[in-house]
Each structure stands twice: as structure tokens, then as C-alpha cells.
Amino acid sequence: QKCNLNSTMKFNYKLHRLCGASYGTPLSTTSGGSNVIYTTKGDVLLSPVSNRVQCIDLLTHSVRTLPFEARSDISKIALSPNDTLLLAIDVNDRAILLNYHRGVVLHRFRFKGGK
């Protein structure tokens, strides 16, 4: 049998746990630390880990990582009151607006005065 190297292979990998400081290091020179937030029910904790956001479900003791990456370390995150929209801002003032439940990036933008 011949092996076809041009055939496409599909992979479906998902990150569950990330290694790193879960909410930033306040003494770091590049970042003043990050915030952690809870969903409105209080059962899920959202925490920036480098350039990703990790969701820790406190009821089921499970962890998932949202399927997006910022260009640099995330410094601030905010969740809408109905837990639909998540805003993640990195250390270079670039922001990502995404649908929290689906993990889909809706828009990327940069604040004025950003590097």
C-alpha cells in the first residue's frame, strides 16, 4: 500500500488545563496582575492565564479553557451581567469581545493610546 502524505488529517484538541500564574503576578514589570471574576450564579470562576482565559466550574470541579488567544498577556476581563459577552483586554490595550458560552470571538479592537 502507498502512503499518501497529502491526505488531510483532522484533529479536535481542546485545552482543559493551563500551566501558569492563574491571575497574574502583581510584582511583574509587564503586567500589574489580572482580575478574576465570577459568573452571576457564582458557580464559575474566570481567570486569565497568560493570553488565554480559564473557566473553573466550582460545582463540578472541572476546568475548561476558552478557545481564543490574545496577542499578549491578558490584564483585565469583564463579563456582562447576563453572562453572554466577555471582554478581555491585554497589556497592550488590545481588546477581544467574545460570546462567553460559545467561545466565539465577535470583534477585536484596540483602545486609543495603546502600544
Foldseek 3Di string as FASTA:
>chain_A
DDDDPPDDDDDDDFDWDDDADFWDDCPDPLANTEDWDAALVRQWIWTFGWFWIKIQGNVVRGIGIQPDGDPTGWHYWDADNNRQWIWTARSQQKIWIDGRVNSGTDDIGGDPPGD
